[in-house]
Structures are given as structure tokens and as C-alpha cells.
PDB file of N, CA and C in Angstrom:
ATOM      1  N   MET A   1      80.341 -74.476   4.807  1.00  0.00           N
ATOM      2  CA  MET A   1      78.913 -74.127   4.693  1.00  0.00           C
ATOM      3  C   MET A   1      78.836 -72.697   4.116  1.00  0.00           C
ATOM      4  N   LYS A   2      79.727 -71.815   4.574  1.00  0.00           N
ATOM      5  CA  LYS A   2      79.547 -70.456   4.101  1.00  0.00           C
ATOM      6  C   LYS A   2      79.846 -70.407   2.508  1.00  0.00           C
ATOM      7  N   LEU A   3      80.815 -71.210   2.065  1.00  0.00           N
ATOM      8  CA  LEU A   3      81.094 -71.203   0.720  1.00  0.00           C
ATOM      9  C   LEU A   3      79.897 -71.768  -0.126  1.00  0.00           C
ATOM     10  N   LYS A   4      79.331 -72.662   0.406  1.00  0.00           N
ATOM     11  CA  LYS A   4      78.004 -73.194  -0.302  1.00  0.00           C
ATOM     12  C   LYS A   4      76.953 -72.096  -0.384  1.00  0.00           C
ATOM     13  N   ASN A   5      76.785 -71.397   0.624  1.00  0.00           N
ATOM     14  CA  ASN A   5      75.788 -70.207   0.598  1.00  0.00           C
ATOM     15  C   ASN A   5      76.226 -69.148  -0.458  1.00  0.00           C
ATOM     16  N   ILE A   6      77.427 -68.887  -0.472  1.00  0.00           N
ATOM     17  CA  ILE A   6      78.028 -67.996  -1.490  1.00  0.00           C
ATOM     18  C   ILE A   6      77.744 -68.536  -2.928  1.00  0.00           C
ATOM     19  N   LEU A   7      78.025 -69.725  -3.201  1.00  0.00           N
ATOM     20  CA  LEU A   7      77.856 -70.336  -4.428  1.00  0.00           C
ATOM     21  C   LEU A   7      76.417 -70.250  -4.857  1.00  0.00           C
ATOM     22  N   VAL A   8      75.550 -70.676  -3.834  1.00  0.00           N
ATOM     23  CA  VAL A   8      74.056 -70.674  -4.189  1.00  0.00           C
ATOM     24  C   VAL A   8      73.687 -69.207  -4.507  1.00  0.00           C
ATOM     25  N   GLY A   9      74.122 -68.276  -3.673  1.00  0.00           N
ATOM     26  CA  GLY A   9      73.750 -66.793  -4.032  1.00  0.00           C
ATOM     27  C   GLY A   9      74.267 -66.431  -5.290  1.00  0.00           C
ATOM     28  N   PHE A  10      75.499 -66.894  -5.778  1.00  0.00           N
ATOM     29  CA  PHE A  10      75.950 -66.549  -6.953  1.00  0.00           C
ATOM     30  C   PHE A  10      75.091 -67.085  -8.155  1.00  0.00           C
ATOM     31  N   VAL A  11      74.728 -68.373  -8.024  1.00  0.00           N
ATOM     32  CA  VAL A  11      73.916 -69.039  -9.109  1.00  0.00           C
ATOM     33  C   VAL A  11      72.473 -68.262  -9.096  1.00  0.00           C
ATOM     34  N   VAL A  12      71.905 -68.050  -7.920  1.00  0.00           N
ATOM     35  CA  VAL A  12      70.576 -67.436  -7.949  1.00  0.00           C
ATOM     36  C   VAL A  12      70.674 -66.048  -8.577  1.00  0.00           C
ATOM     37  N   GLY A  13      71.742 -65.291  -8.263  1.00  0.00           N
ATOM     38  CA  GLY A  13      71.922 -63.993  -8.775  1.00  0.00           C
ATOM     39  C   GLY A  13      72.128 -63.976 -10.196  1.00  0.00           C
ATOM     40  N   THR A  14      72.894 -64.977 -10.794  1.00  0.00           N
ATOM     41  CA  THR A  14      73.086 -65.110 -12.159  1.00  0.00           C
ATOM     42  C   THR A  14      71.799 -65.465 -12.937  1.00  0.00           C
ATOM     43  N   ILE A  15      71.079 -66.359 -12.357  1.00  0.00           N
ATOM     44  CA  ILE A  15      69.794 -66.671 -12.982  1.00  0.00           C
ATOM     45  C   ILE A  15      68.818 -65.531 -13.017  1.00  0.00           C
ATOM     46  N   GLY A  16      68.781 -64.819 -11.895  1.00  0.00           N
ATOM     47  CA  GLY A  16      67.880 -63.584 -11.835  1.00  0.00           C
ATOM     48  C   GLY A  16      68.366 -62.544 -12.783  1.00  0.00           C
ATOM     49  N   GLY A  17      69.707 -62.255 -12.869  1.00  0.00           N
ATOM     50  CA  GLY A  17      70.238 -61.238 -13.849  1.00  0.00           C
ATOM     51  C   GLY A  17      69.930 -61.688 -15.247  1.00  0.00           C
ATOM     52  N   ALA A  18      70.126 -62.955 -15.552  1.00  0.00           N
ATOM     53  CA  ALA A  18      69.784 -63.398 -16.938  1.00  0.00           C
ATOM     54  C   ALA A  18      68.314 -63.306 -17.325  1.00  0.00           C
ATOM     55  N   THR A  19      67.405 -63.494 -16.330  1.00  0.00           N
ATOM     56  CA  THR A  19      66.006 -63.393 -16.540  1.00  0.00           C
ATOM     57  C   THR A  19      65.688 -61.923 -16.787  1.00  0.00           C
ATOM     58  N   LEU A  20      66.168 -61.033 -15.941  1.00  0.00           N
ATOM     59  CA  LEU A  20      65.954 -59.654 -16.233  1.00  0.00           C
ATOM     60  C   LEU A  20      66.480 -59.162 -17.522  1.00  0.00           C
ATOM     61  N   ALA A  21      67.672 -59.688 -17.927  1.00  0.00           N
ATOM     62  CA  ALA A  21      68.202 -59.348 -19.191  1.00  0.00           C
ATOM     63  C   ALA A  21      67.310 -59.666 -20.387  1.00  0.00           C
ATOM     64  N   VAL A  22      66.790 -61.029 -20.271  1.00  0.00           N
ATOM     65  CA  VAL A  22      65.874 -61.533 -21.286  1.00  0.00           C
ATOM     66  C   VAL A  22      64.530 -60.648 -21.341  1.00  0.00           C
ATOM     67  N   LEU A  23      64.002 -60.382 -20.228  1.00  0.00           N
ATOM     68  CA  LEU A  23      62.799 -59.437 -20.232  1.00  0.00           C
ATOM     69  C   LEU A  23      62.989 -58.147 -20.828  1.00  0.00           C
ATOM     70  N   ASN A  24      64.159 -57.489 -20.511  1.00  0.00           N
ATOM     71  CA  ASN A  24      64.384 -56.113 -20.944  1.00  0.00           C
ATOM     72  C   ASN A  24      65.198 -56.061 -22.186  1.00  0.00           C
ATOM     73  N   ALA A  25      65.513 -57.001 -22.906  1.00  0.00           N
ATOM     74  CA  ALA A  25      66.445 -57.073 -24.006  1.00  0.00           C
ATOM     75  C   ALA A  25      65.866 -56.412 -25.198  1.00  0.00           C
ATOM     76  N   PRO A  26      66.588 -55.474 -25.739  1.00  0.00           N
ATOM     77  CA  PRO A  26      66.116 -54.841 -26.980  1.00  0.00           C
ATOM     78  C   PRO A  26      66.640 -55.592 -28.227  1.00  0.00           C
ATOM     79  N   LYS A  27      66.997 -56.802 -28.136  1.00  0.00           N
ATOM     80  CA  LYS A  27      67.659 -57.557 -29.197  1.00  0.00           C
ATOM     81  C   LYS A  27      66.485 -58.433 -29.882  1.00  0.00           C
ATOM     82  N   SER A  28      66.828 -58.830 -31.049  1.00  0.00           N
ATOM     83  CA  SER A  28      65.964 -59.790 -31.701  1.00  0.00           C
ATOM     84  C   SER A  28      66.116 -61.142 -31.040  1.00  0.00           C
ATOM     85  N   GLY A  29      65.299 -62.088 -31.410  1.00  0.00           N
ATOM     86  CA  GLY A  29      65.336 -63.417 -30.872  1.00  0.00           C
ATOM     87  C   GLY A  29      66.722 -64.202 -31.130  1.00  0.00           C
ATOM     88  N   LYS A  30      67.170 -64.116 -32.298  1.00  0.00           N
ATOM     89  CA  LYS A  30      68.374 -64.867 -32.668  1.00  0.00           C
ATOM     90  C   LYS A  30      69.581 -64.150 -31.961  1.00  0.00           C
ATOM     91  N   ASP A  31      69.578 -62.868 -31.879  1.00  0.00           N
ATOM     92  CA  ASP A  31      70.740 -62.142 -31.183  1.00  0.00           C
ATOM     93  C   ASP A  31      70.651 -62.404 -29.791  1.00  0.00           C
ATOM     94  N   LEU A  32      69.408 -62.523 -29.140  1.00  0.00           N
ATOM     95  CA  LEU A  32      69.204 -62.856 -27.761  1.00  0.00           C
ATOM     96  C   LEU A  32      69.695 -64.301 -27.420  1.00  0.00           C
ATOM     97  N   GLN A  33      69.308 -65.163 -28.343  1.00  0.00           N
ATOM     98  CA  GLN A  33      69.804 -66.642 -28.087  1.00  0.00           C
ATOM     99  C   GLN A  33      71.283 -66.757 -28.121  1.00  0.00           C
ATOM    100  N   SER A  34      71.908 -66.110 -29.022  1.00  0.00           N
ATOM    101  CA  SER A  34      73.387 -66.221 -29.191  1.00  0.00           C
ATOM    102  C   SER A  34      74.045 -65.536 -27.900  1.00  0.00           C
ATOM    103  N   SER A  35      73.425 -64.512 -27.482  1.00  0.00           N
ATOM    104  CA  SER A  35      73.949 -63.842 -26.285  1.00  0.00           C
ATOM    105  C   SER A  35      73.753 -64.652 -24.989  1.00  0.00           C
ATOM    106  N   LEU A  36      72.615 -65.375 -24.943  1.00  0.00           N
ATOM    107  CA  LEU A  36      72.416 -66.334 -23.836  1.00  0.00           C
ATOM    108  C   LEU A  36      73.297 -67.490 -23.916  1.00  0.00           C
ATOM    109  N   THR A  37      73.608 -67.959 -25.001  1.00  0.00           N
ATOM    110  CA  THR A  37      74.494 -69.045 -25.257  1.00  0.00           C
ATOM    111  C   THR A  37      75.946 -68.702 -24.672  1.00  0.00           C
ATOM    112  N   GLU A  38      76.382 -67.475 -25.014  1.00  0.00           N
ATOM    113  CA  GLU A  38      77.702 -67.031 -24.616  1.00  0.00           C
ATOM    114  C   GLU A  38      77.682 -66.885 -23.091  1.00  0.00           C
ATOM    115  N   SER A  39      76.652 -66.263 -22.621  1.00  0.00           N
ATOM    116  CA  SER A  39      76.531 -66.042 -21.109  1.00  0.00           C
ATOM    117  C   SER A  39      76.522 -67.437 -20.426  1.00  0.00           C
ATOM    118  N   SER A  40      75.834 -68.371 -20.906  1.00  0.00           N
ATOM    119  CA  SER A  40      75.848 -69.699 -20.192  1.00  0.00           C
ATOM    120  C   SER A  40      77.255 -70.342 -20.189  1.00  0.00           C
ATOM    121  N   GLY A  41      78.051 -70.177 -21.289  1.00  0.00           N
ATOM    122  CA  GLY A  41      79.418 -70.674 -21.361  1.00  0.00           C
ATOM    123  C   GLY A  41      80.294 -69.996 -20.374  1.00  0.00           C
ATOM    124  N   THR A  42      80.039 -68.701 -20.190  1.00  0.00           N
ATOM    125  CA  THR A  42      80.795 -67.859 -19.152  1.00  0.00           C
ATOM    126  C   THR A  42      80.433 -68.369 -17.774  1.00  0.00           C
ATOM    127  N   ILE A  43      79.141 -68.551 -17.472  1.00  0.00           N
ATOM    128  CA  ILE A  43      78.685 -68.971 -16.259  1.00  0.00           C
ATOM    129  C   ILE A  43      79.333 -70.451 -15.903  1.00  0.00           C
ATOM    130  N   LYS A  44      79.282 -71.244 -16.861  1.00  0.00           N
ATOM    131  CA  LYS A  44      79.789 -72.613 -16.605  1.00  0.00           C
ATOM    132  C   LYS A  44      81.319 -72.562 -16.319  1.00  0.00           C
ATOM    133  N   SER A  45      82.089 -71.789 -17.056  1.00  0.00           N
ATOM    134  CA  SER A  45      83.446 -71.577 -16.827  1.00  0.00           C
ATOM    135  C   SER A  45      83.795 -71.060 -15.465  1.00  0.00           C
ATOM    136  N   ALA A  46      82.916 -70.032 -15.020  1.00  0.00           N
ATOM    137  CA  ALA A  46      83.180 -69.451 -13.776  1.00  0.00           C
ATOM    138  C   ALA A  46      82.800 -70.310 -12.616  1.00  0.00           C
ATOM    139  N   SER A  47      81.838 -71.214 -12.837  1.00  0.00           N
ATOM    140  CA  SER A  47      81.400 -72.127 -11.670  1.00  0.00           C
ATOM    141  C   SER A  47      82.503 -73.229 -11.692  1.00  0.00           C
ATOM    142  N   ASN A  48      83.040 -73.622 -12.732  1.00  0.00           N
ATOM    143  CA  ASN A  48      84.142 -74.633 -12.735  1.00  0.00           C
ATOM    144  C   ASN A  48      85.362 -74.112 -12.123  1.00  0.00           C
ATOM    145  N   GLN A  49      85.661 -72.823 -12.400  1.00  0.00           N
ATOM    146  CA  GLN A  49      86.842 -72.159 -11.725  1.00  0.00           C
ATOM    147  C   GLN A  49      86.643 -72.141 -10.179  1.00  0.00           C
ATOM    148  N   ILE A  50      85.401 -71.839  -9.766  1.00  0.00           N
ATOM    149  CA  ILE A  50      85.194 -71.720  -8.402  1.00  0.00           C
ATOM    150  C   ILE A  50      85.254 -73.078  -7.736  1.00  0.00           C
ATOM    151  N   LYS A  51      84.749 -74.035  -8.390  1.00  0.00           N
ATOM    152  CA  LYS A  51      84.953 -75.501  -7.811  1.00  0.00           C
ATOM    153  C   LYS A  51      86.427 -75.860  -7.707  1.00  0.00           C
ATOM    154  N   GLU A  52      87.183 -75.574  -8.739  1.00  0.00           N
ATOM    155  CA  GLU A  52      88.539 -75.796  -8.769  1.00  0.00           C
ATOM    156  C   GLU A  52      89.333 -75.091  -7.541  1.00  0.00           C
ATOM    157  N   GLU A  53      88.979 -73.855  -7.396  1.00  0.00           N
ATOM    158  CA  GLU A  53      89.572 -73.021  -6.345  1.00  0.00           C
ATOM    159  C   GLU A  53      89.154 -73.546  -4.891  1.00  0.00           C
ATOM    160  N   VAL A  54      87.957 -73.986  -4.796  1.00  0.00           N
ATOM    161  CA  VAL A  54      87.453 -74.537  -3.477  1.00  0.00           C
ATOM    162  C   VAL A  54      88.191 -75.916  -3.190  1.00  0.00           C
ATOM    163  N   SER A  55      88.405 -76.638  -4.208  1.00  0.00           N
ATOM    164  CA  SER A  55      89.201 -77.884  -4.086  1.00  0.00           C
ATOM    165  C   SER A  55      90.602 -77.547  -3.676  1.00  0.00           C
ATOM    166  N   ASN A  56      91.259 -76.537  -4.307  1.00  0.00           N
ATOM    167  CA  ASN A  56      92.578 -76.205  -3.943  1.00  0.00           C
ATOM    168  C   ASN A  56      92.743 -75.749  -2.479  1.00  0.00           C
ATOM    169  N   ILE A  57      91.745 -75.010  -2.043  1.00  0.00           N
ATOM    170  CA  ILE A  57      91.716 -74.441  -0.568  1.00  0.00           C
ATOM    171  C   ILE A  57      91.611 -75.698   0.321  1.00  0.00           C
ATOM    172  N   LYS A  58      90.643 -76.621  -0.092  1.00  0.00           N
ATOM    173  CA  LYS A  58      90.494 -77.753   0.792  1.00  0.00           C
ATOM    174  C   LYS A  58      91.759 -78.570   0.997  1.00  0.00           C
ATOM    175  N   ASN A  59      92.418 -78.832  -0.138  1.00  0.00           N
ATOM    176  CA  ASN A  59      93.715 -79.535  -0.177  1.00  0.00           C
ATOM    177  C   ASN A  59      94.734 -78.891   0.695  1.00  0.00           C
ATOM    178  N   SER A  60      94.757 -77.492   0.614  1.00  0.00           N
ATOM    179  CA  SER A  60      95.722 -76.702   1.306  1.00  0.00           C
ATOM    180  C   SER A  60      95.516 -76.878   2.827  1.00  0.00           C
ATOM    181  N   VAL A  61      94.273 -76.845   3.251  1.00  0.00           N
ATOM    182  CA  VAL A  61      93.886 -77.035   4.674  1.00  0.00           C
ATOM    183  C   VAL A  61      94.192 -78.406   5.156  1.00  0.00           C
ATOM    184  N   LEU A  62      94.000 -79.397   4.418  1.00  0.00           N
ATOM    185  CA  LEU A  62      94.345 -80.752   4.722  1.00  0.00           C
ATOM    186  C   LEU A  62      95.844 -80.954   4.890  1.00  0.00           C
ATOM    187  N   ARG A  63      96.602 -80.261   4.004  1.00  0.00           N
ATOM    188  CA  ARG A  63      98.070 -80.357   4.106  1.00  0.00           C
ATOM    189  C   ARG A  63      98.535 -79.739   5.340  1.00  0.00           C
ATOM    190  N   ALA A  64      97.952 -78.505   5.559  1.00  0.00           N
ATOM    191  CA  ALA A  64      98.401 -77.734   6.829  1.00  0.00           C
ATOM    192  C   ALA A  64      98.049 -78.555   8.086  1.00  0.00           C
ATOM    193  N   LYS A  65      96.886 -79.226   8.029  1.00  0.00           N
ATOM    194  CA  LYS A  65      96.497 -80.072   9.231  1.00  0.00           C
ATOM    195  C   LYS A  65      97.515 -81.132   9.425  1.00  0.00           C
ATOM    196  N   HIS A  66      97.913 -81.814   8.413  1.00  0.00           N
ATOM    197  CA  HIS A  66      98.765 -82.920   8.384  1.00  0.00           C
ATOM    198  C   HIS A  66     100.321 -82.390   8.884  1.00  0.00           C
ATOM    199  N   GLU A  67     100.673 -81.290   8.422  1.00  0.00           N
ATOM    200  CA  GLU A  67     102.016 -80.669   8.779  1.00  0.00           C
ATOM    201  C   GLU A  67     102.049 -80.400  10.290  1.00  0.00           C
ATOM    202  N   THR A  68     100.867 -79.894  10.714  1.00  0.00           N
ATOM    203  CA  THR A  68     100.674 -79.417  12.184  1.00  0.00           C
ATOM    204  C   THR A  68     100.838 -80.743  12.992  1.00  0.00           C
ATOM    205  N   SER A  69     100.271 -81.842  12.670  1.00  0.00           N
ATOM    206  CA  SER A  69     100.369 -82.993  13.472  1.00  0.00           C
ATOM    207  C   SER A  69     101.780 -83.528  13.454  1.00  0.00           C
ATOM    208  N   ASN A  70     102.583 -83.343  12.421  1.00  0.00           N
ATOM    209  CA  ASN A  70     103.978 -83.677  12.338  1.00  0.00           C
ATOM    210  C   ASN A  70     104.785 -82.847  13.378  1.00  0.00           C
ATOM    211  N   ILE A  71     104.450 -81.609  13.402  1.00  0.00           N
ATOM    212  CA  ILE A  71     105.231 -80.642  14.259  1.00  0.00           C
ATOM    213  C   ILE A  71     105.128 -81.144  15.692  1.00  0.00           C
ATOM    214  N   GLY A  72     103.991 -81.641  16.141  1.00  0.00           N
ATOM    215  CA  GLY A  72     103.865 -82.156  17.510  1.00  0.00           C
ATOM    216  C   GLY A  72     104.801 -83.352  17.721  1.00  0.00           C
ATOM    217  N   GLU A  73     104.887 -84.253  16.842  1.00  0.00           N
ATOM    218  CA  GLU A  73     105.781 -85.398  16.891  1.00  0.00           C
ATOM    219  C   GLU A  73     107.180 -84.955  17.023  1.00  0.00           C
ATOM    220  N   LEU A  74     107.549 -83.950  16.159  1.00  0.00           N
ATOM    221  CA  LEU A  74     108.984 -83.508  16.161  1.00  0.00           C
ATOM    222  C   LEU A  74     109.306 -82.848  17.445  1.00  0.00           C
ATOM    223  N   VAL A  75     108.430 -82.076  18.097  1.00  0.00           N
ATOM    224  CA  VAL A  75     108.556 -81.490  19.383  1.00  0.00           C
ATOM    225  C   VAL A  75     108.905 -82.496  20.371  1.00  0.00           C
ATOM    226  N   ASP A  76     108.060 -83.579  20.418  1.00  0.00           N
ATOM    227  CA  ASP A  76     108.315 -84.607  21.348  1.00  0.00           C
ATOM    228  C   ASP A  76     109.679 -85.301  21.133  1.00  0.00           C
ATOM    229  N   GLU A  77     110.075 -85.567  19.970  1.00  0.00           N
ATOM    230  CA  GLU A  77     111.359 -86.146  19.622  1.00  0.00           C
ATOM    231  C   GLU A  77     112.566 -85.217  20.176  1.00  0.00           C
ATOM    232  N   VAL A  78     112.366 -83.858  19.913  1.00  0.00           N
ATOM    233  CA  VAL A  78     113.451 -82.953  20.389  1.00  0.00           C
ATOM    234  C   VAL A  78     113.502 -82.936  21.900  1.00  0.00           C
ATOM    235  N   LYS A  79     112.296 -82.976  22.662  1.00  0.00           N
ATOM    236  CA  LYS A  79     112.383 -83.056  24.064  1.00  0.00           C
ATOM    237  C   LYS A  79     113.107 -84.242  24.527  1.00  0.00           C
ATOM    238  N   ILE A  80     112.971 -85.383  23.905  1.00  0.00           N
ATOM    239  CA  ILE A  80     113.599 -86.627  24.319  1.00  0.00           C
ATOM    240  C   ILE A  80     115.119 -86.429  24.068  1.00  0.00           C
ATOM    241  N   LEU A  81     115.494 -85.912  22.859  1.00  0.00           N
ATOM    242  CA  LEU A  81     116.900 -85.689  22.536  1.00  0.00           C
ATOM    243  C   LEU A  81     117.554 -84.806  23.644  1.00  0.00           C
ATOM    244  N   VAL A  82     116.917 -83.689  23.996  1.00  0.00           N
ATOM    245  CA  VAL A  82     117.446 -82.827  24.976  1.00  0.00           C
ATOM    246  C   VAL A  82     117.595 -83.456  26.258  1.00  0.00           C
ATOM    247  N   SER A  83     116.671 -84.254  26.666  1.00  0.00           N
ATOM    248  CA  SER A  83     116.782 -84.970  27.975  1.00  0.00           C
ATOM    249  C   SER A  83     117.984 -85.962  27.954  1.00  0.00           C
ATOM    250  N   ASN A  84     118.069 -86.666  26.879  1.00  0.00           N
ATOM    251  CA  ASN A  84     119.153 -87.630  26.754  1.00  0.00           C
ATOM    252  C   ASN A  84     120.603 -86.924  26.806  1.00  0.00           C
ATOM    253  N   PHE A  85     120.647 -85.723  26.169  1.00  0.00           N
ATOM    254  CA  PHE A  85     121.874 -84.988  26.142  1.00  0.00           C
ATOM    255  C   PHE A  85     122.209 -84.471  27.441  1.00  0.00           C
ATOM    256  N   GLN A  86     121.227 -83.987  28.223  1.00  0.00           N
ATOM    257  CA  GLN A  86     121.494 -83.558  29.642  1.00  0.00           C
ATOM    258  C   GLN A  86     121.966 -84.707  30.473  1.00  0.00           C
ATOM    259  N   LYS A  87     121.372 -85.851  30.260  1.00  0.00           N
ATOM    260  CA  LYS A  87     121.826 -87.028  31.116  1.00  0.00           C
ATOM    261  C   LYS A  87     123.273 -87.473  30.704  1.00  0.00           C
ATOM    262  N   ASP A  88     123.625 -87.378  29.328  1.00  0.00           N
ATOM    263  CA  ASP A  88     124.917 -87.686  29.000  1.00  0.00           C
ATOM    264  C   ASP A  88     125.955 -86.724  29.462  1.00  0.00           C
ATOM    265  N   ILE A  89     125.735 -85.395  29.502  1.00  0.00           N
ATOM    266  CA  ILE A  89     126.797 -84.527  29.913  1.00  0.00           C
ATOM    267  C   ILE A  89     126.763 -84.216  31.398  1.00  0.00           C
ATOM    268  N   GLU A  90     125.912 -84.738  32.127  1.00  0.00           N
ATOM    269  CA  GLU A  90     125.878 -84.487  33.560  1.00  0.00           C
ATOM    270  C   GLU A  90     127.104 -84.945  34.319  1.00  0.00           C
ATOM    271  N   PRO A  91     127.638 -86.145  34.045  1.00  0.00           N
ATOM    272  CA  PRO A  91     128.830 -86.524  34.636  1.00  0.00           C
ATOM    273  C   PRO A  91     130.039 -85.695  34.307  1.00  0.00           C
ATOM    274  N   ASN A  92     130.074 -85.271  33.058  1.00  0.00           N
ATOM    275  CA  ASN A  92     131.185 -84.276  32.675  1.00  0.00           C
ATOM    276  C   ASN A  92     131.088 -82.984  33.367  1.00  0.00           C
ATOM    277  N   VAL A  93     129.983 -82.519  33.639  1.00  0.00           N
ATOM    278  CA  VAL A  93     129.764 -81.164  34.244  1.00  0.00           C
ATOM    279  C   VAL A  93     130.280 -81.325  35.600  1.00  0.00           C
ATOM    280  N   GLU A  94     130.078 -82.560  36.404  1.00  0.00           N
ATOM    281  CA  GLU A  94     130.599 -82.646  37.723  1.00  0.00           C
ATOM    282  C   GLU A  94     132.059 -82.716  37.685  1.00  0.00           C
ATOM    283  N   GLN A  95     132.565 -83.435  36.686  1.00  0.00           N
ATOM    284  CA  GLN A  95     134.067 -83.488  36.670  1.00  0.00           C
ATOM    285  C   GLN A  95     134.660 -82.082  36.357  1.00  0.00           C
ATOM    286  N   LEU A  96     134.028 -81.295  35.556  1.00  0.00           N
ATOM    287  CA  LEU A  96     134.574 -79.965  35.240  1.00  0.00           C
ATOM    288  C   LEU A  96     134.440 -79.055  36.468  1.00  0.00           C
ATOM    289  N   LYS A  97     133.388 -79.206  37.195  1.00  0.00           N
ATOM    290  CA  LYS A  97     133.283 -78.443  38.492  1.00  0.00           C
ATOM    291  C   LYS A  97     134.377 -78.795  39.426  1.00  0.00           C
ATOM    292  N   SER A  98     134.635 -80.066  39.579  1.00  0.00           N
ATOM    293  CA  SER A  98     135.727 -80.444  40.575  1.00  0.00           C
ATOM    294  C   SER A  98     137.003 -80.049  40.061  1.00  0.00           C
ATOM    295  N   GLY A  99     137.281 -80.122  38.709  1.00  0.00           N
ATOM    296  CA  GLY A  99     138.519 -79.536  38.168  1.00  0.00           C
ATOM    297  C   GLY A  99     138.659 -78.147  38.378  1.00  0.00           C
ATOM    298  N   VAL A 100     137.660 -77.286  38.246  1.00  0.00           N
ATOM    299  CA  VAL A 100     137.775 -75.856  38.536  1.00  0.00           C
ATOM    300  C   VAL A 100     137.957 -75.670  40.015  1.00  0.00           C
ATOM    301  N   ASP A 101     137.381 -76.397  40.769  1.00  0.00           N
ATOM    302  CA  ASP A 101     137.629 -76.209  42.273  1.00  0.00           C
ATOM    303  C   ASP A 101     139.081 -76.550  42.573  1.00  0.00           C
ATOM    304  N   ASP A 102     139.521 -77.623  41.902  1.00  0.00           N
ATOM    305  CA  ASP A 102     141.065 -77.907  42.160  1.00  0.00           C
ATOM    306  C   ASP A 102     141.957 -76.755  41.704  1.00  0.00           C
ATOM    307  N   ILE A 103     141.611 -76.137  40.478  1.00  0.00           N
ATOM    308  CA  ILE A 103     142.483 -75.159  39.951  1.00  0.00           C
ATOM    309  C   ILE A 103     142.374 -73.918  40.934  1.00  0.00           C
ATOM    310  N   ASN A 104     141.178 -73.642  41.456  1.00  0.00           N
ATOM    311  CA  ASN A 104     141.041 -72.536  42.344  1.00  0.00           C
ATOM    312  C   ASN A 104     141.838 -72.664  43.599  1.00  0.00           C
ATOM    313  N   ASN A 105     141.844 -73.935  44.162  1.00  0.00           N
ATOM    314  CA  ASN A 105     142.664 -74.209  45.314  1.00  0.00           C
ATOM    315  C   ASN A 105     144.093 -74.043  44.977  1.00  0.00           C
ATOM    316  N   ARG A 106     144.627 -74.511  43.898  1.00  0.00           N
ATOM    317  CA  ARG A 106     146.014 -74.332  43.589  1.00  0.00           C
ATOM    318  C   ARG A 106     146.339 -72.987  43.452  1.00  0.00           C
ATOM    319  N   VAL A 107     145.444 -72.089  42.832  1.00  0.00           N
ATOM    320  CA  VAL A 107     145.727 -70.673  42.659  1.00  0.00           C
ATOM    321  C   VAL A 107     145.742 -70.035  44.059  1.00  0.00           C
ATOM    322  N   SER A 108     144.983 -70.418  44.867  1.00  0.00           N
ATOM    323  CA  SER A 108     145.019 -69.807  46.217  1.00  0.00           C
ATOM    324  C   SER A 108     146.258 -70.143  46.935  1.00  0.00           C
ATOM    325  N   LYS A 109     146.776 -71.414  46.782  1.00  0.00           N
ATOM    326  CA  LYS A 109     148.000 -71.849  47.352  1.00  0.00           C
ATOM    327  C   LYS A 109     149.229 -71.023  46.811  1.00  0.00           C
ATOM    328  N   ILE A 110     149.162 -70.964  45.467  1.00  0.00           N
ATOM    329  CA  ILE A 110     150.258 -70.083  44.835  1.00  0.00           C
ATOM    330  C   ILE A 110     150.194 -68.702  45.300  1.00  0.00           C
ATOM    331  N   GLU A 111     148.973 -68.174  45.411  1.00  0.00           N
ATOM    332  CA  GLU A 111     148.949 -66.728  45.866  1.00  0.00           C
ATOM    333  C   GLU A 111     149.522 -66.654  47.364  1.00  0.00           C
ATOM    334  N   LYS A 112     149.170 -67.490  48.146  1.00  0.00           N
ATOM    335  CA  LYS A 112     149.704 -67.540  49.585  1.00  0.00           C
ATOM    336  C   LYS A 112     151.224 -67.610  49.565  1.00  0.00           C
ATOM    337  N   LYS A 113     151.739 -68.414  48.816  1.00  0.00           N
ATOM    338  CA  LYS A 113     153.198 -68.664  48.790  1.00  0.00           C
ATOM    339  C   LYS A 113     153.905 -67.316  48.231  1.00  0.00           C
ATOM    340  N   LEU A 114     153.272 -66.723  47.151  1.00  0.00           N
ATOM    341  CA  LEU A 114     153.845 -65.503  46.540  1.00  0.00           C
ATOM    342  C   LEU A 114     153.719 -64.247  47.570  1.00  0.00           C
ATOM    343  N   SER A 115     152.700 -64.299  48.359  1.00  0.00           N
ATOM    344  CA  SER A 115     152.500 -63.143  49.287  1.00  0.00           C
ATOM    345  C   SER A 115     153.305 -63.353  50.521  1.00  0.00           C
ATOM    346  N   GLU A 116     153.905 -64.556  50.860  1.00  0.00           N
ATOM    347  CA  GLU A 116     154.838 -64.700  52.035  1.00  0.00           C
ATOM    348  C   GLU A 116     156.235 -64.186  51.701  1.00  0.00           C
TER     349      GLU A 116
END
């Protein structure tokens, strides 16, 4: 909505400026006509450029929106993978803990024998 207001303001300002230029022009009729023809071409190219830039911005916003929705899906997939990984390694963690306990018990026995 704001861009539309800016574009309308640009067009109105250009028309107003052109009107003032015609009324205050110290040129002859033919010179003034050729000047106005050149100005209208410049205005058309500027408005076309603005339309193209607005279209590019719109496309960029739509792409960003699409990518953002993909990020949410990826986060959900990563959460599932981490949960599955934790479930898979849980038995191994218990085995490692019992193995460490066994080693600590053996070390304690060896230290007792060495201190006797």
C-alpha cells in the first residue's frame, strides 16, 4: 500500500512539474514539444524501472516466506533424528556405565592388594 502511495505521488509530482515547466518555458513551441517528448520517454522508462523493482522485491519476499516454511520442517526432522539417536545410544550408555563401575571396582581391589 505504501509503495502505491509513493508511485502515485511520483506521477502527480511529475505531471505537476511538467505543467509548471510548460507554463514557464522560455522555449518556442517546437523546442518545447521535443523537450516534452523526451521527458515523457524518461518518465515512462522510470515508471517501468519502478515496476520491475517492485516485482523483484515481491518475488524476493515470496521466496523468503517459502524458505522460512522449509526451515520449520527441517527443525522438526532434526528433532526426530536427535530423539531417535538418543533412544539408540541409551542401551550403550548403560553398558558403558556398568563397564566403568566394574573397572573402578577392580582398581579398588588392586589398590587394596597393593597396600597390604
